[in-house]
Amino acid sequence: MKSCKITALIFSIFLFIFFIYGNTAAQAQTSNSASAMKIIKAEGCLSCHTINGSGGSVGPSLSKEGTKGHSIHWLKVQIADPNKHFSGSIMPQFNLEPAQLEEVAQYLKSLK
């Protein structure tokens, strides 16, 4: 009987920690997504690319970028200097601050 109470207590603590951590992670991802989208919009990326139904069609859709297997490093290089991956690319170079570049790459990697 005593072991059942201990198991129930441990399970309750686990659920509490999971609830707190899960909510914090979801809030952080939502915040990062909003911040990354702000950068993406400010830089004019949606003039050529589509994300979740919004944007242009000159460049490829980025809506499922996270499923393509590109690393964060690959995405950062693609944003900063697209000609390194695709010689003659019409995509312009974007001179983002390192933190902005990381944020946008992380966001794109999360799109599934």
N, C-alpha and C. Protein backbone atom coordinates (compact mmCIF):
# COMPACT_ATOMS: atom_id res chain seq x y z
N MET A 1 0.82 -1.19 0.00
CA MET A 1 0.00 0.00 0.00
C MET A 1 0.87 1.26 0.00
N LYS A 2 1.93 1.21 0.82
CA LYS A 2 2.83 2.36 0.92
C LYS A 2 3.52 2.63 -0.42
N SER A 3 3.92 1.57 -1.14
CA SER A 3 4.59 1.75 -2.42
C SER A 3 3.65 2.36 -3.46
N CYS A 4 2.35 2.08 -3.37
CA CYS A 4 1.38 2.68 -4.29
C CYS A 4 1.28 4.18 -4.07
N LYS A 5 1.32 4.60 -2.81
CA LYS A 5 1.25 6.04 -2.49
C LYS A 5 2.51 6.75 -2.99
N ILE A 6 3.66 6.11 -2.82
CA ILE A 6 4.91 6.70 -3.29
C ILE A 6 4.91 6.78 -4.81
N THR A 7 4.46 5.73 -5.46
CA THR A 7 4.37 5.74 -6.93
C THR A 7 3.43 6.83 -7.40
N ALA A 8 2.30 6.99 -6.74
CA ALA A 8 1.33 8.03 -7.11
C ALA A 8 1.93 9.41 -6.90
N LEU A 9 2.68 9.58 -5.81
CA LEU A 9 3.31 10.87 -5.53
C LEU A 9 4.35 11.19 -6.60
N ILE A 10 5.19 10.22 -6.94
CA ILE A 10 6.22 10.42 -7.97
C ILE A 10 5.56 10.75 -9.31
N PHE A 11 4.50 10.04 -9.63
CA PHE A 11 3.79 10.29 -10.88
C PHE A 11 3.20 11.70 -10.89
N SER A 12 2.64 12.13 -9.75
CA SER A 12 2.07 13.48 -9.66
C SER A 12 3.14 14.54 -9.85
N ILE A 13 4.30 14.31 -9.23
CA ILE A 13 5.42 15.26 -9.39
C ILE A 13 5.86 15.30 -10.84
N PHE A 14 5.97 14.14 -11.47
CA PHE A 14 6.35 14.06 -12.88
C PHE A 14 5.36 14.84 -13.75
N LEU A 15 4.07 14.65 -13.53
CA LEU A 15 3.05 15.37 -14.31
C LEU A 15 3.16 16.87 -14.11
N PHE A 16 3.40 17.30 -12.88
CA PHE A 16 3.54 18.72 -12.59
C PHE A 16 4.73 19.30 -13.34
N ILE A 17 5.88 18.61 -13.27
CA ILE A 17 7.08 19.09 -13.97
C ILE A 17 6.85 19.11 -15.48
N PHE A 18 6.24 18.06 -15.99
CA PHE A 18 5.95 18.00 -17.42
C PHE A 18 5.02 19.14 -17.84
N PHE A 19 4.01 19.43 -17.03
CA PHE A 19 3.07 20.52 -17.33
C PHE A 19 3.80 21.86 -17.36
N ILE A 20 4.63 22.12 -16.36
CA ILE A 20 5.37 23.38 -16.30
C ILE A 20 6.36 23.49 -17.46
N TYR A 21 7.16 22.45 -17.69
CA TYR A 21 8.15 22.49 -18.77
C TYR A 21 7.47 22.56 -20.13
N GLY A 22 6.43 21.79 -20.33
CA GLY A 22 5.72 21.78 -21.61
C GLY A 22 5.17 23.14 -21.95
N ASN A 23 4.57 23.81 -20.99
CA ASN A 23 4.02 25.15 -21.24
C ASN A 23 5.13 26.15 -21.53
N THR A 24 6.23 26.07 -20.81
CA THR A 24 7.36 26.98 -21.03
C THR A 24 7.95 26.78 -22.41
N ALA A 25 8.13 25.54 -22.83
CA ALA A 25 8.68 25.26 -24.15
C ALA A 25 7.74 25.75 -25.25
N ALA A 26 6.44 25.54 -25.07
CA ALA A 26 5.47 26.00 -26.07
C ALA A 26 5.46 27.52 -26.16
N GLN A 27 5.54 28.19 -25.01
CA GLN A 27 5.56 29.65 -25.02
C GLN A 27 6.83 30.17 -25.69
N ALA A 28 7.96 29.54 -25.41
CA ALA A 28 9.22 29.95 -26.01
C ALA A 28 9.18 29.77 -27.52
N GLN A 29 8.63 28.64 -27.99
CA GLN A 29 8.56 28.39 -29.42
C GLN A 29 7.64 29.40 -30.10
N THR A 30 6.50 29.71 -29.47
CA THR A 30 5.58 30.69 -30.03
C THR A 30 6.24 32.05 -30.11
N SER A 31 6.96 32.43 -29.06
CA SER A 31 7.66 33.71 -29.03
C SER A 31 8.73 33.76 -30.11
N ASN A 32 9.53 32.68 -30.25
CA ASN A 32 10.57 32.64 -31.27
C ASN A 32 9.97 32.67 -32.66
N SER A 33 8.85 31.99 -32.86
CA SER A 33 8.19 31.98 -34.16
C SER A 33 7.74 33.38 -34.53
N ALA A 34 7.14 34.08 -33.59
CA ALA A 34 6.66 35.44 -33.86
C ALA A 34 7.82 36.37 -34.17
N SER A 35 8.90 36.23 -33.41
CA SER A 35 10.07 37.07 -33.63
C SER A 35 10.72 36.76 -34.98
N ALA A 36 10.83 35.48 -35.31
CA ALA A 36 11.42 35.09 -36.60
C ALA A 36 10.55 35.59 -37.75
N MET A 37 9.24 35.46 -37.62
CA MET A 37 8.35 35.94 -38.69
C MET A 37 8.45 37.46 -38.85
N LYS A 38 8.68 38.16 -37.76
CA LYS A 38 8.86 39.61 -37.84
C LYS A 38 10.10 39.94 -38.69
N ILE A 39 11.18 39.20 -38.48
CA ILE A 39 12.41 39.39 -39.26
C ILE A 39 12.15 39.02 -40.72
N ILE A 40 11.50 37.88 -40.94
CA ILE A 40 11.21 37.41 -42.30
C ILE A 40 10.38 38.43 -43.07
N LYS A 41 9.38 38.99 -42.42
CA LYS A 41 8.54 40.01 -43.06
C LYS A 41 9.33 41.29 -43.32
N ALA A 42 10.11 41.72 -42.34
CA ALA A 42 10.89 42.96 -42.48
C ALA A 42 11.92 42.87 -43.60
N GLU A 43 12.48 41.67 -43.80
CA GLU A 43 13.50 41.48 -44.83
C GLU A 43 12.89 41.24 -46.21
N GLY A 44 11.58 41.08 -46.28
CA GLY A 44 10.90 40.91 -47.57
C GLY A 44 10.93 39.48 -48.11
N CYS A 45 11.21 38.51 -47.26
CA CYS A 45 11.29 37.11 -47.71
C CYS A 45 9.98 36.62 -48.31
N LEU A 46 8.86 37.14 -47.78
CA LEU A 46 7.56 36.70 -48.27
C LEU A 46 7.20 37.29 -49.63
N SER A 47 8.06 38.15 -50.15
CA SER A 47 7.85 38.64 -51.51
C SER A 47 8.07 37.50 -52.51
N CYS A 48 8.94 36.56 -52.14
CA CYS A 48 9.27 35.45 -53.04
C CYS A 48 8.85 34.08 -52.50
N HIS A 49 8.90 33.92 -51.18
CA HIS A 49 8.63 32.62 -50.57
C HIS A 49 7.28 32.61 -49.87
N THR A 50 6.67 31.44 -49.83
CA THR A 50 5.42 31.23 -49.11
C THR A 50 5.72 30.50 -47.81
N ILE A 51 5.07 30.98 -46.74
CA ILE A 51 5.11 30.27 -45.46
C ILE A 51 3.67 30.16 -44.99
N ASN A 52 3.21 28.93 -44.87
CA ASN A 52 1.86 28.64 -44.39
C ASN A 52 0.78 29.42 -45.13
N GLY A 53 0.87 29.44 -46.45
CA GLY A 53 -0.17 30.03 -47.29
C GLY A 53 -0.02 31.51 -47.57
N SER A 54 0.96 32.18 -46.97
CA SER A 54 1.15 33.61 -47.22
C SER A 54 2.48 33.83 -47.91
N GLY A 55 2.47 34.69 -48.92
CA GLY A 55 3.71 35.06 -49.58
C GLY A 55 3.68 34.85 -51.07
N GLY A 56 4.85 34.96 -51.67
CA GLY A 56 4.98 34.87 -53.12
C GLY A 56 5.31 33.47 -53.60
N SER A 57 5.49 33.38 -54.90
CA SER A 57 5.74 32.06 -55.50
C SER A 57 6.99 32.04 -56.38
N VAL A 58 7.80 33.08 -56.33
CA VAL A 58 9.02 33.11 -57.13
C VAL A 58 10.01 32.07 -56.61
N GLY A 59 10.17 32.02 -55.29
CA GLY A 59 11.06 31.04 -54.66
C GLY A 59 10.25 29.87 -54.13
N PRO A 60 10.93 28.85 -53.68
CA PRO A 60 10.21 27.68 -53.16
C PRO A 60 9.46 28.00 -51.87
N SER A 61 8.40 27.26 -51.63
CA SER A 61 7.67 27.37 -50.38
C SER A 61 8.57 26.94 -49.23
N LEU A 62 8.47 27.64 -48.13
CA LEU A 62 9.25 27.30 -46.95
C LEU A 62 8.39 26.65 -45.87
N SER A 63 7.14 26.40 -46.19
CA SER A 63 6.17 25.90 -45.22
C SER A 63 6.58 24.59 -44.56
N LYS A 64 7.32 23.76 -45.27
CA LYS A 64 7.75 22.46 -44.72
C LYS A 64 9.27 22.33 -44.79
N GLU A 65 9.94 23.45 -44.61
CA GLU A 65 11.40 23.47 -44.71
C GLU A 65 12.06 22.49 -43.75
N GLY A 66 11.47 22.30 -42.59
CA GLY A 66 12.03 21.40 -41.59
C GLY A 66 12.03 19.94 -41.99
N THR A 67 11.30 19.59 -43.03
CA THR A 67 11.24 18.19 -43.48
C THR A 67 12.28 17.88 -44.56
N LYS A 68 13.03 18.87 -45.00
CA LYS A 68 13.94 18.69 -46.13
C LYS A 68 15.32 18.18 -45.73
N GLY A 69 15.59 18.10 -44.44
CA GLY A 69 16.85 17.55 -43.98
C GLY A 69 18.02 18.53 -43.95
N HIS A 70 17.75 19.81 -44.16
CA HIS A 70 18.83 20.79 -44.12
C HIS A 70 19.19 21.11 -42.67
N SER A 71 20.47 21.25 -42.41
CA SER A 71 20.93 21.60 -41.06
C SER A 71 20.72 23.09 -40.81
N ILE A 72 20.84 23.48 -39.56
CA ILE A 72 20.78 24.90 -39.19
C ILE A 72 21.89 25.65 -39.92
N HIS A 73 23.08 25.07 -39.96
CA HIS A 73 24.21 25.72 -40.65
C HIS A 73 23.87 25.92 -42.14
N TRP A 74 23.32 24.90 -42.78
CA TRP A 74 22.97 25.00 -44.20
C TRP A 74 21.97 26.14 -44.41
N LEU A 75 20.97 26.22 -43.54
CA LEU A 75 19.96 27.28 -43.67
C LEU A 75 20.58 28.66 -43.49
N LYS A 76 21.50 28.80 -42.54
CA LYS A 76 22.14 30.10 -42.32
C LYS A 76 22.97 30.50 -43.53
N VAL A 77 23.70 29.55 -44.11
CA VAL A 77 24.48 29.85 -45.31
C VAL A 77 23.54 30.22 -46.45
N GLN A 78 22.45 29.50 -46.60
CA GLN A 78 21.49 29.78 -47.67
C GLN A 78 20.93 31.20 -47.57
N ILE A 79 20.65 31.63 -46.35
CA ILE A 79 20.10 32.97 -46.14
C ILE A 79 21.17 34.03 -46.39
N ALA A 80 22.36 33.80 -45.85
CA ALA A 80 23.43 34.80 -45.93
C ALA A 80 24.08 34.88 -47.31
N ASP A 81 24.23 33.74 -47.98
CA ASP A 81 24.90 33.73 -49.29
C ASP A 81 24.39 32.56 -50.14
N PRO A 82 23.20 32.71 -50.72
CA PRO A 82 22.59 31.61 -51.47
C PRO A 82 23.42 31.07 -52.63
N ASN A 83 24.32 31.87 -53.17
CA ASN A 83 25.16 31.41 -54.28
C ASN A 83 26.14 30.32 -53.87
N LYS A 84 26.38 30.17 -52.57
CA LYS A 84 27.26 29.08 -52.11
C LYS A 84 26.62 27.73 -52.34
N HIS A 85 25.29 27.67 -52.31
CA HIS A 85 24.59 26.41 -52.56
C HIS A 85 24.11 26.30 -54.00
N PHE A 86 23.68 27.40 -54.55
CA PHE A 86 23.11 27.40 -55.90
C PHE A 86 23.73 28.53 -56.71
N SER A 87 24.74 28.20 -57.47
CA SER A 87 25.42 29.20 -58.28
C SER A 87 24.43 29.87 -59.23
N GLY A 88 24.46 31.17 -59.26
CA GLY A 88 23.55 31.93 -60.12
C GLY A 88 22.17 32.14 -59.53
N SER A 89 22.01 31.87 -58.26
CA SER A 89 20.72 32.04 -57.59
C SER A 89 20.26 33.49 -57.69
N ILE A 90 18.97 33.69 -57.89
CA ILE A 90 18.43 35.05 -57.93
C ILE A 90 18.10 35.56 -56.53
N MET A 91 18.20 34.67 -55.55
CA MET A 91 17.94 35.08 -54.17
C MET A 91 19.05 36.01 -53.71
N PRO A 92 18.69 37.17 -53.14
CA PRO A 92 19.72 38.09 -52.66
C PRO A 92 20.35 37.59 -51.37
N GLN A 93 21.51 38.12 -51.06
CA GLN A 93 22.15 37.85 -49.77
C GLN A 93 21.46 38.70 -48.71
N PHE A 94 21.34 38.15 -47.52
CA PHE A 94 20.75 38.90 -46.41
C PHE A 94 21.80 39.04 -45.32
N ASN A 95 22.07 40.27 -44.94
CA ASN A 95 23.08 40.56 -43.92
C ASN A 95 22.41 40.74 -42.57
N LEU A 96 21.97 39.63 -42.01
CA LEU A 96 21.32 39.67 -40.71
C LEU A 96 22.37 39.60 -39.61
N GLU A 97 22.00 40.11 -38.45
CA GLU A 97 22.84 39.94 -37.27
C GLU A 97 22.91 38.44 -36.97
N PRO A 98 24.00 37.96 -36.38
CA PRO A 98 24.10 36.53 -36.09
C PRO A 98 22.91 35.97 -35.31
N ALA A 99 22.42 36.71 -34.33
CA ALA A 99 21.28 36.23 -33.54
C ALA A 99 20.02 36.14 -34.40
N GLN A 100 19.83 37.11 -35.29
CA GLN A 100 18.67 37.07 -36.19
C GLN A 100 18.77 35.89 -37.15
N LEU A 101 19.95 35.68 -37.69
CA LEU A 101 20.19 34.58 -38.62
C LEU A 101 19.89 33.24 -37.94
N GLU A 102 20.36 33.09 -36.73
CA GLU A 102 20.11 31.88 -35.95
C GLU A 102 18.60 31.70 -35.71
N GLU A 103 17.95 32.77 -35.34
CA GLU A 103 16.52 32.71 -35.04
C GLU A 103 15.70 32.30 -36.26
N VAL A 104 15.99 32.90 -37.40
CA VAL A 104 15.26 32.57 -38.63
C VAL A 104 15.56 31.13 -39.05
N ALA A 105 16.82 30.72 -38.97
CA ALA A 105 17.18 29.34 -39.35
C ALA A 105 16.49 28.33 -38.43
N GLN A 106 16.48 28.60 -37.14
CA GLN A 106 15.80 27.71 -36.19
C GLN A 106 14.31 27.63 -36.50
N TYR A 107 13.72 28.76 -36.82
CA TYR A 107 12.30 28.78 -37.14
C TYR A 107 12.02 27.96 -38.41
N LEU A 108 12.81 28.21 -39.45
CA LEU A 108 12.61 27.46 -40.69
C LEU A 108 12.79 25.97 -40.47
N LYS A 109 13.75 25.59 -39.66
CA LYS A 109 13.99 24.18 -39.35
C LYS A 109 12.79 23.57 -38.62
N SER A 110 12.04 24.38 -37.88
CA SER A 110 10.89 23.87 -37.13
C SER A 110 9.63 23.68 -37.99
N LEU A 111 9.64 24.22 -39.20
CA LEU A 111 8.44 24.14 -40.05
C LEU A 111 8.30 22.74 -40.63
N LYS A 112 7.22 22.08 -40.27
CA LYS A 112 7.00 20.69 -40.71
C LYS A 112 5.62 20.52 -41.31
